[in-house]
């Protein structure tokens, strides 16, 4: 493979699966020229206790089509580090983060726009999404058994019931949403109005839009 022509460098590292004793060969970083040296890192190589449910790597998403060849969560390194700190706080309270989407290559943004050309729910691809910068995460919380906390709607529900300011919900659901939002705010993640699951790193404009696609091998 000619890495200079590809425009990015694959940095491989061995990861050891705890309890299994087997080495996993992973593409830990996606690097691109001109990004100020801030790499996209595979979050699971830094903290394997996150749960992954990357919906666009399946047909279980609002398009009904598989968008990613495989499910991985990449974020800019400072964003990943802050998310890990938030995860530590959630784990102390008996919860874990489940990740639905992280960095999203911009070509996929065009495909999503074709399915739902509505800027309330899908960012205009020619402007780019914070996901395309590696500065946004879609997530929820699970309890000690791995069961998702009730948040009032499924992930990627397009309607007022999923909005942050929709309050006509049972008290426990409002508490779950508040726990998610207020904890993540401490670590410099801000919610968006129309999606309870989406959080942007506050300084995401520091990072460029990217078209890079990860390796599934």
C-alpha atoms as a PDB file:
ATOM      1  CA  UNK A   1       0.000   0.000   0.000  1.00  0.00           C
ATOM      2  CA  UNK A   2       1.312   3.480  -0.849  1.00  0.00           C
ATOM      3  CA  UNK A   3       0.564   5.453   2.320  1.00  0.00           C
ATOM      4  CA  UNK A   4       1.604   8.835   0.891  1.00  0.00           C
ATOM      5  CA  UNK A   5      -0.980   8.507  -1.885  1.00  0.00           C
ATOM      6  CA  UNK A   6      -3.675   7.495   0.574  1.00  0.00           C
ATOM      7  CA  UNK A   7      -3.099  10.693   2.549  1.00  0.00           C
ATOM      8  CA  UNK A   8      -3.087   9.014   5.940  1.00  0.00           C
ATOM      9  CA  UNK A   9      -0.903   6.756   8.007  1.00  0.00           C
ATOM     10  CA  UNK A  10      -2.028   3.596   9.709  1.00  0.00           C
ATOM     11  CA  UNK A  11      -0.474   3.181  13.123  1.00  0.00           C
ATOM     12  CA  UNK A  12      -0.856  -0.374  14.365  1.00  0.00           C
ATOM     13  CA  UNK A  13      -0.677  -1.512  17.949  1.00  0.00           C
ATOM     14  CA  UNK A  14      -1.156  -4.788  19.759  1.00  0.00           C
ATOM     15  CA  UNK A  15      -3.991  -4.835  22.233  1.00  0.00           C
ATOM     16  CA  UNK A  16      -4.356  -7.619  24.738  1.00  0.00           C
ATOM     17  CA  UNK A  17      -7.824  -8.967  25.489  1.00  0.00           C
ATOM     18  CA  UNK A  18      -8.122  -9.216  29.248  1.00  0.00           C
ATOM     19  CA  UNK A  19      -8.955 -12.724  30.418  1.00  0.00           C
ATOM     20  CA  UNK A  20      -8.616 -14.181  26.933  1.00  0.00           C
ATOM     21  CA  UNK A  21      -4.836 -13.878  26.621  1.00  0.00           C
ATOM     22  CA  UNK A  22      -5.028 -13.193  22.881  1.00  0.00           C
ATOM     23  CA  UNK A  23      -3.438 -10.304  21.005  1.00  0.00           C
ATOM     24  CA  UNK A  24      -5.614  -8.172  18.787  1.00  0.00           C
ATOM     25  CA  UNK A  25      -4.143  -6.277  15.867  1.00  0.00           C
ATOM     26  CA  UNK A  26      -5.907  -2.926  15.548  1.00  0.00           C
ATOM     27  CA  UNK A  27      -5.773   0.237  13.489  1.00  0.00           C
ATOM     28  CA  UNK A  28      -5.500   2.544  16.466  1.00  0.00           C
ATOM     29  CA  UNK A  29      -5.043   5.866  14.679  1.00  0.00           C
ATOM     30  CA  UNK A  30      -6.176   7.621  11.536  1.00  0.00           C
ATOM     31  CA  UNK A  31      -3.784  10.443  10.699  1.00  0.00           C
ATOM     32  CA  UNK A  32      -4.121  13.158   8.098  1.00  0.00           C
ATOM     33  CA  UNK A  33      -1.847  16.004   7.072  1.00  0.00           C
ATOM     34  CA  UNK A  34      -2.798  19.477   8.214  1.00  0.00           C
ATOM     35  CA  UNK A  35      -4.855  18.517  11.270  1.00  0.00           C
ATOM     36  CA  UNK A  36      -2.460  20.142  13.732  1.00  0.00           C
ATOM     37  CA  UNK A  37      -1.231  16.763  14.888  1.00  0.00           C
ATOM     38  CA  UNK A  38      -4.503  15.877  16.613  1.00  0.00           C
ATOM     39  CA  UNK A  39      -5.226  12.326  15.533  1.00  0.00           C
ATOM     40  CA  UNK A  40      -8.400  10.327  15.291  1.00  0.00           C
ATOM     41  CA  UNK A  41      -8.041   7.472  17.775  1.00  0.00           C
ATOM     42  CA  UNK A  42     -10.043   4.282  18.204  1.00  0.00           C
ATOM     43  CA  UNK A  43     -11.677   4.908  21.586  1.00  0.00           C
ATOM     44  CA  UNK A  44     -11.894   1.210  22.430  1.00  0.00           C
ATOM     45  CA  UNK A  45      -8.088   0.955  22.371  1.00  0.00           C
ATOM     46  CA  UNK A  46      -8.017   3.495  25.224  1.00  0.00           C
ATOM     47  CA  UNK A  47     -10.966   2.194  27.244  1.00  0.00           C
ATOM     48  CA  UNK A  48     -12.400  -1.221  26.391  1.00  0.00           C
ATOM     49  CA  UNK A  49     -15.249  -0.877  28.916  1.00  0.00           C
ATOM     50  CA  UNK A  50     -17.418   1.225  26.602  1.00  0.00           C
ATOM     51  CA  UNK A  51     -20.224  -0.689  24.918  1.00  0.00           C
ATOM     52  CA  UNK A  52     -20.388  -0.399  21.129  1.00  0.00           C
ATOM     53  CA  UNK A  53     -23.611  -0.440  19.135  1.00  0.00           C
ATOM     54  CA  UNK A  54     -22.519   1.418  16.011  1.00  0.00           C
ATOM     55  CA  UNK A  55     -25.833   1.494  14.214  1.00  0.00           C
ATOM     56  CA  UNK A  56     -24.597   2.647  10.813  1.00  0.00           C
ATOM     57  CA  UNK A  57     -22.497  -0.531  10.625  1.00  0.00           C
ATOM     58  CA  UNK A  58     -25.818  -2.413  10.578  1.00  0.00           C
ATOM     59  CA  UNK A  59     -29.211  -2.086   8.924  1.00  0.00           C
ATOM     60  CA  UNK A  60     -30.720  -1.185  12.313  1.00  0.00           C
ATOM     61  CA  UNK A  61     -30.770   2.558  11.656  1.00  0.00           C
ATOM     62  CA  UNK A  62     -33.189   5.089  10.222  1.00  0.00           C
ATOM     63  CA  UNK A  63     -32.036   4.506   6.628  1.00  0.00           C
ATOM     64  CA  UNK A  64     -32.434   0.719   6.799  1.00  0.00           C
ATOM     65  CA  UNK A  65     -29.059   0.464   5.027  1.00  0.00           C
ATOM     66  CA  UNK A  66     -25.586  -0.460   6.258  1.00  0.00           C
ATOM     67  CA  UNK A  67     -23.399   2.641   5.894  1.00  0.00           C
ATOM     68  CA  UNK A  68     -20.107   1.536   7.515  1.00  0.00           C
ATOM     69  CA  UNK A  69     -18.242  -1.635   6.590  1.00  0.00           C
ATOM     70  CA  UNK A  70     -17.663  -2.297  10.296  1.00  0.00           C
ATOM     71  CA  UNK A  71     -18.482  -0.659  13.603  1.00  0.00           C
ATOM     72  CA  UNK A  72     -15.710   1.368  15.224  1.00  0.00           C
ATOM     73  CA  UNK A  73     -15.616   4.529  17.323  1.00  0.00           C
ATOM     74  CA  UNK A  74     -12.944   7.062  16.397  1.00  0.00           C
ATOM     75  CA  UNK A  75     -12.675  10.517  18.006  1.00  0.00           C
ATOM     76  CA  UNK A  76     -10.036  13.230  18.143  1.00  0.00           C
ATOM     77  CA  UNK A  77      -7.653  12.329  20.944  1.00  0.00           C
ATOM     78  CA  UNK A  78      -8.589  15.205  23.323  1.00  0.00           C
ATOM     79  CA  UNK A  79     -12.280  14.381  22.799  1.00  0.00           C
ATOM     80  CA  UNK A  80     -11.695  10.693  23.485  1.00  0.00           C
ATOM     81  CA  UNK A  81      -9.766  11.501  26.666  1.00  0.00           C
ATOM     82  CA  UNK A  82     -12.587  13.698  28.014  1.00  0.00           C
ATOM     83  CA  UNK A  83     -15.185  11.071  27.161  1.00  0.00           C
ATOM     84  CA  UNK A  84     -13.163   8.507  29.094  1.00  0.00           C
ATOM     85  CA  UNK A  85     -13.144  10.816  32.131  1.00  0.00           C
ATOM     86  CA  UNK A  86     -16.932  11.160  31.887  1.00  0.00           C
ATOM     87  CA  UNK A  87     -17.204   7.380  31.580  1.00  0.00           C
ATOM     88  CA  UNK A  88     -15.249   6.952  34.814  1.00  0.00           C
ATOM     89  CA  UNK A  89     -17.801   9.116  36.614  1.00  0.00           C
ATOM     90  CA  UNK A  90     -20.717   7.153  35.162  1.00  0.00           C
ATOM     91  CA  UNK A  91     -19.087   3.854  36.163  1.00  0.00           C
ATOM     92  CA  UNK A  92     -18.717   5.044  39.764  1.00  0.00           C
ATOM     93  CA  UNK A  93     -22.502   5.558  39.753  1.00  0.00           C
ATOM     94  CA  UNK A  94     -23.087   2.052  38.365  1.00  0.00           C
ATOM     95  CA  UNK A  95     -23.578   2.896  34.682  1.00  0.00           C
ATOM     96  CA  UNK A  96     -21.652   2.556  31.447  1.00  0.00           C
ATOM     97  CA  UNK A  97     -21.748   4.451  28.172  1.00  0.00           C
ATOM     98  CA  UNK A  98     -23.064   2.757  25.051  1.00  0.00           C
ATOM     99  CA  UNK A  99     -21.818   4.392  21.838  1.00  0.00           C
ATOM    100  CA  UNK A 100     -24.056   4.597  18.769  1.00  0.00           C
ATOM    101  CA  UNK A 101     -21.901   6.804  16.524  1.00  0.00           C
ATOM    102  CA  UNK A 102     -18.638   8.749  16.773  1.00  0.00           C
ATOM    103  CA  UNK A 103     -16.460  10.061  13.940  1.00  0.00           C
ATOM    104  CA  UNK A 104     -18.368   9.783  10.677  1.00  0.00           C
ATOM    105  CA  UNK A 105     -16.576  10.035   7.305  1.00  0.00           C
ATOM    106  CA  UNK A 106     -18.106  12.879   5.312  1.00  0.00           C
ATOM    107  CA  UNK A 107     -19.128  10.691   2.336  1.00  0.00           C
ATOM    108  CA  UNK A 108     -21.508   8.950   4.742  1.00  0.00           C
ATOM    109  CA  UNK A 109     -22.994  12.340   5.639  1.00  0.00           C
ATOM    110  CA  UNK A 110     -24.132  12.721   2.031  1.00  0.00           C
ATOM    111  CA  UNK A 111     -25.831   9.329   2.183  1.00  0.00           C
ATOM    112  CA  UNK A 112     -27.657  10.253   5.383  1.00  0.00           C
ATOM    113  CA  UNK A 113     -28.781  13.545   3.853  1.00  0.00           C
ATOM    114  CA  UNK A 114     -30.204  11.686   0.881  1.00  0.00           C
ATOM    115  CA  UNK A 115     -32.369   9.695   3.312  1.00  0.00           C
ATOM    116  CA  UNK A 116     -33.404  12.620   5.543  1.00  0.00           C
ATOM    117  CA  UNK A 117     -32.743  16.049   3.953  1.00  0.00           C
ATOM    118  CA  UNK A 118     -33.802  17.862   7.122  1.00  0.00           C
ATOM    119  CA  UNK A 119     -31.165  20.021   8.895  1.00  0.00           C
ATOM    120  CA  UNK A 120     -32.958  19.608  12.236  1.00  0.00           C
ATOM    121  CA  UNK A 121     -31.764  15.994  12.269  1.00  0.00           C
ATOM    122  CA  UNK A 122     -29.026  15.583   9.647  1.00  0.00           C
ATOM    123  CA  UNK A 123     -26.343  18.220   9.108  1.00  0.00           C
ATOM    124  CA  UNK A 124     -25.962  19.547   5.574  1.00  0.00           C
ATOM    125  CA  UNK A 125     -23.044  17.547   4.170  1.00  0.00           C
ATOM    126  CA  UNK A 126     -21.552  20.457   2.218  1.00  0.00           C
ATOM    127  CA  UNK A 127     -21.195  22.291   5.550  1.00  0.00           C
ATOM    128  CA  UNK A 128     -20.308  19.147   7.456  1.00  0.00           C
ATOM    129  CA  UNK A 129     -21.371  17.659  10.769  1.00  0.00           C
ATOM    130  CA  UNK A 130     -19.418  17.773  14.021  1.00  0.00           C
ATOM    131  CA  UNK A 131     -19.344  13.980  13.581  1.00  0.00           C
ATOM    132  CA  UNK A 132     -17.283  14.593  10.421  1.00  0.00           C
ATOM    133  CA  UNK A 133     -14.725  16.449  12.560  1.00  0.00           C
ATOM    134  CA  UNK A 134     -14.388  13.636  15.103  1.00  0.00           C
ATOM    135  CA  UNK A 135     -15.840  15.911  17.765  1.00  0.00           C
ATOM    136  CA  UNK A 136     -19.319  14.467  18.363  1.00  0.00           C
ATOM    137  CA  UNK A 137     -20.744  11.341  19.952  1.00  0.00           C
ATOM    138  CA  UNK A 138     -24.159   9.682  19.918  1.00  0.00           C
ATOM    139  CA  UNK A 139     -24.638   7.667  23.084  1.00  0.00           C
ATOM    140  CA  UNK A 140     -26.800   6.455  25.934  1.00  0.00           C
ATOM    141  CA  UNK A 141     -26.331   4.832  29.345  1.00  0.00           C
ATOM    142  CA  UNK A 142     -26.743   1.217  30.409  1.00  0.00           C
ATOM    143  CA  UNK A 143     -27.099  -0.209  33.904  1.00  0.00           C
ATOM    144  CA  UNK A 144     -24.981  -2.903  35.566  1.00  0.00           C
ATOM    145  CA  UNK A 145     -26.781  -5.615  33.555  1.00  0.00           C
ATOM    146  CA  UNK A 146     -26.191  -3.883  30.233  1.00  0.00           C
ATOM    147  CA  UNK A 147     -29.805  -2.737  29.890  1.00  0.00           C
ATOM    148  CA  UNK A 148     -30.276   0.713  28.381  1.00  0.00           C
ATOM    149  CA  UNK A 149     -31.772   3.359  30.644  1.00  0.00           C
ATOM    150  CA  UNK A 150     -35.164   4.513  29.393  1.00  0.00           C
ATOM    151  CA  UNK A 151     -34.752   7.845  27.597  1.00  0.00           C
ATOM    152  CA  UNK A 152     -38.247   8.292  26.182  1.00  0.00           C
ATOM    153  CA  UNK A 153     -37.477   7.413  22.559  1.00  0.00           C
ATOM    154  CA  UNK A 154     -35.154   5.067  20.684  1.00  0.00           C
ATOM    155  CA  UNK A 155     -31.929   6.363  19.170  1.00  0.00           C
ATOM    156  CA  UNK A 156     -32.439   8.378  15.961  1.00  0.00           C
ATOM    157  CA  UNK A 157     -36.102   9.060  16.663  1.00  0.00           C
ATOM    158  CA  UNK A 158     -37.093  12.094  14.620  1.00  0.00           C
ATOM    159  CA  UNK A 159     -39.731  14.012  16.519  1.00  0.00           C
ATOM    160  CA  UNK A 160     -40.387  16.388  19.401  1.00  0.00           C
ATOM    161  CA  UNK A 161     -40.345  13.621  22.010  1.00  0.00           C
ATOM    162  CA  UNK A 162     -36.585  13.253  21.443  1.00  0.00           C
ATOM    163  CA  UNK A 163     -35.927  16.974  21.892  1.00  0.00           C
ATOM    164  CA  UNK A 164     -33.937  18.128  24.903  1.00  0.00           C
ATOM    165  CA  UNK A 165     -36.640  20.650  25.828  1.00  0.00           C
ATOM    166  CA  UNK A 166     -39.515  18.154  25.660  1.00  0.00           C
ATOM    167  CA  UNK A 167     -40.612  17.710  29.271  1.00  0.00           C
ATOM    168  CA  UNK A 168     -43.904  15.812  28.994  1.00  0.00           C
ATOM    169  CA  UNK A 169     -42.207  12.605  30.105  1.00  0.00           C
ATOM    170  CA  UNK A 170     -42.227  10.411  33.241  1.00  0.00           C
ATOM    171  CA  UNK A 171     -39.995  11.608  36.067  1.00  0.00           C
ATOM    172  CA  UNK A 172     -37.528   8.712  35.753  1.00  0.00           C
ATOM    173  CA  UNK A 173     -36.923   9.439  32.068  1.00  0.00           C
ATOM    174  CA  UNK A 174     -36.322  13.130  32.784  1.00  0.00           C
ATOM    175  CA  UNK A 175     -33.875  12.094  35.518  1.00  0.00           C
ATOM    176  CA  UNK A 176     -32.005   9.804  33.124  1.00  0.00           C
ATOM    177  CA  UNK A 177     -31.722  12.532  30.511  1.00  0.00           C
ATOM    178  CA  UNK A 178     -30.578  15.013  33.130  1.00  0.00           C
ATOM    179  CA  UNK A 179     -27.935  12.598  34.433  1.00  0.00           C
ATOM    180  CA  UNK A 180     -26.595  12.086  30.921  1.00  0.00           C
ATOM    181  CA  UNK A 181     -26.572  15.763  29.991  1.00  0.00           C
ATOM    182  CA  UNK A 182     -25.315  17.288  33.219  1.00  0.00           C
ATOM    183  CA  UNK A 183     -22.494  14.775  33.625  1.00  0.00           C
ATOM    184  CA  UNK A 184     -21.278  15.260  30.063  1.00  0.00           C
ATOM    185  CA  UNK A 185     -21.431  19.052  30.436  1.00  0.00           C
ATOM    186  CA  UNK A 186     -18.774  18.757  33.160  1.00  0.00           C
ATOM    187  CA  UNK A 187     -16.422  17.315  30.546  1.00  0.00           C
ATOM    188  CA  UNK A 188     -17.054  19.980  27.883  1.00  0.00           C
ATOM    189  CA  UNK A 189     -19.742  18.190  25.878  1.00  0.00           C
ATOM    190  CA  UNK A 190     -22.874  20.113  24.913  1.00  0.00           C
ATOM    191  CA  UNK A 191     -26.235  18.658  23.847  1.00  0.00           C
ATOM    192  CA  UNK A 192     -28.150  19.730  20.770  1.00  0.00           C
ATOM    193  CA  UNK A 193     -31.812  20.690  21.002  1.00  0.00           C
ATOM    194  CA  UNK A 194     -33.385  18.000  18.810  1.00  0.00           C
ATOM    195  CA  UNK A 195     -31.568  14.829  19.961  1.00  0.00           C
ATOM    196  CA  UNK A 196     -31.156  13.644  23.552  1.00  0.00           C
ATOM    197  CA  UNK A 197     -28.342  11.257  22.471  1.00  0.00           C
ATOM    198  CA  UNK A 198     -26.078  13.709  20.580  1.00  0.00           C
ATOM    199  CA  UNK A 199     -23.252  15.629  22.269  1.00  0.00           C
ATOM    200  CA  UNK A 200     -20.659  17.955  20.727  1.00  0.00           C
ATOM    201  CA  UNK A 201     -17.244  18.663  22.158  1.00  0.00           C
ATOM    202  CA  UNK A 202     -17.279  22.403  22.852  1.00  0.00           C
ATOM    203  CA  UNK A 203     -14.104  23.156  20.875  1.00  0.00           C
ATOM    204  CA  UNK A 204     -14.904  20.932  17.893  1.00  0.00           C
ATOM    205  CA  UNK A 205     -14.200  23.712  15.349  1.00  0.00           C
ATOM    206  CA  UNK A 206     -10.511  23.213  16.105  1.00  0.00           C
ATOM    207  CA  UNK A 207     -10.671  20.059  13.993  1.00  0.00           C
ATOM    208  CA  UNK A 208     -11.039  19.779  10.215  1.00  0.00           C
ATOM    209  CA  UNK A 209     -13.766  17.914   8.379  1.00  0.00           C
ATOM    210  CA  UNK A 210     -12.502  14.524   7.269  1.00  0.00           C
ATOM    211  CA  UNK A 211     -13.298  11.951   4.594  1.00  0.00           C
ATOM    212  CA  UNK A 212     -11.031   9.234   6.037  1.00  0.00           C
ATOM    213  CA  UNK A 213     -12.457   5.722   6.360  1.00  0.00           C
ATOM    214  CA  UNK A 214     -11.118   3.191   8.850  1.00  0.00           C
ATOM    215  CA  UNK A 215      -9.705  -0.217   8.042  1.00  0.00           C
ATOM    216  CA  UNK A 216     -11.896  -3.192   8.963  1.00  0.00           C
ATOM    217  CA  UNK A 217      -9.128  -5.815   8.861  1.00  0.00           C
END
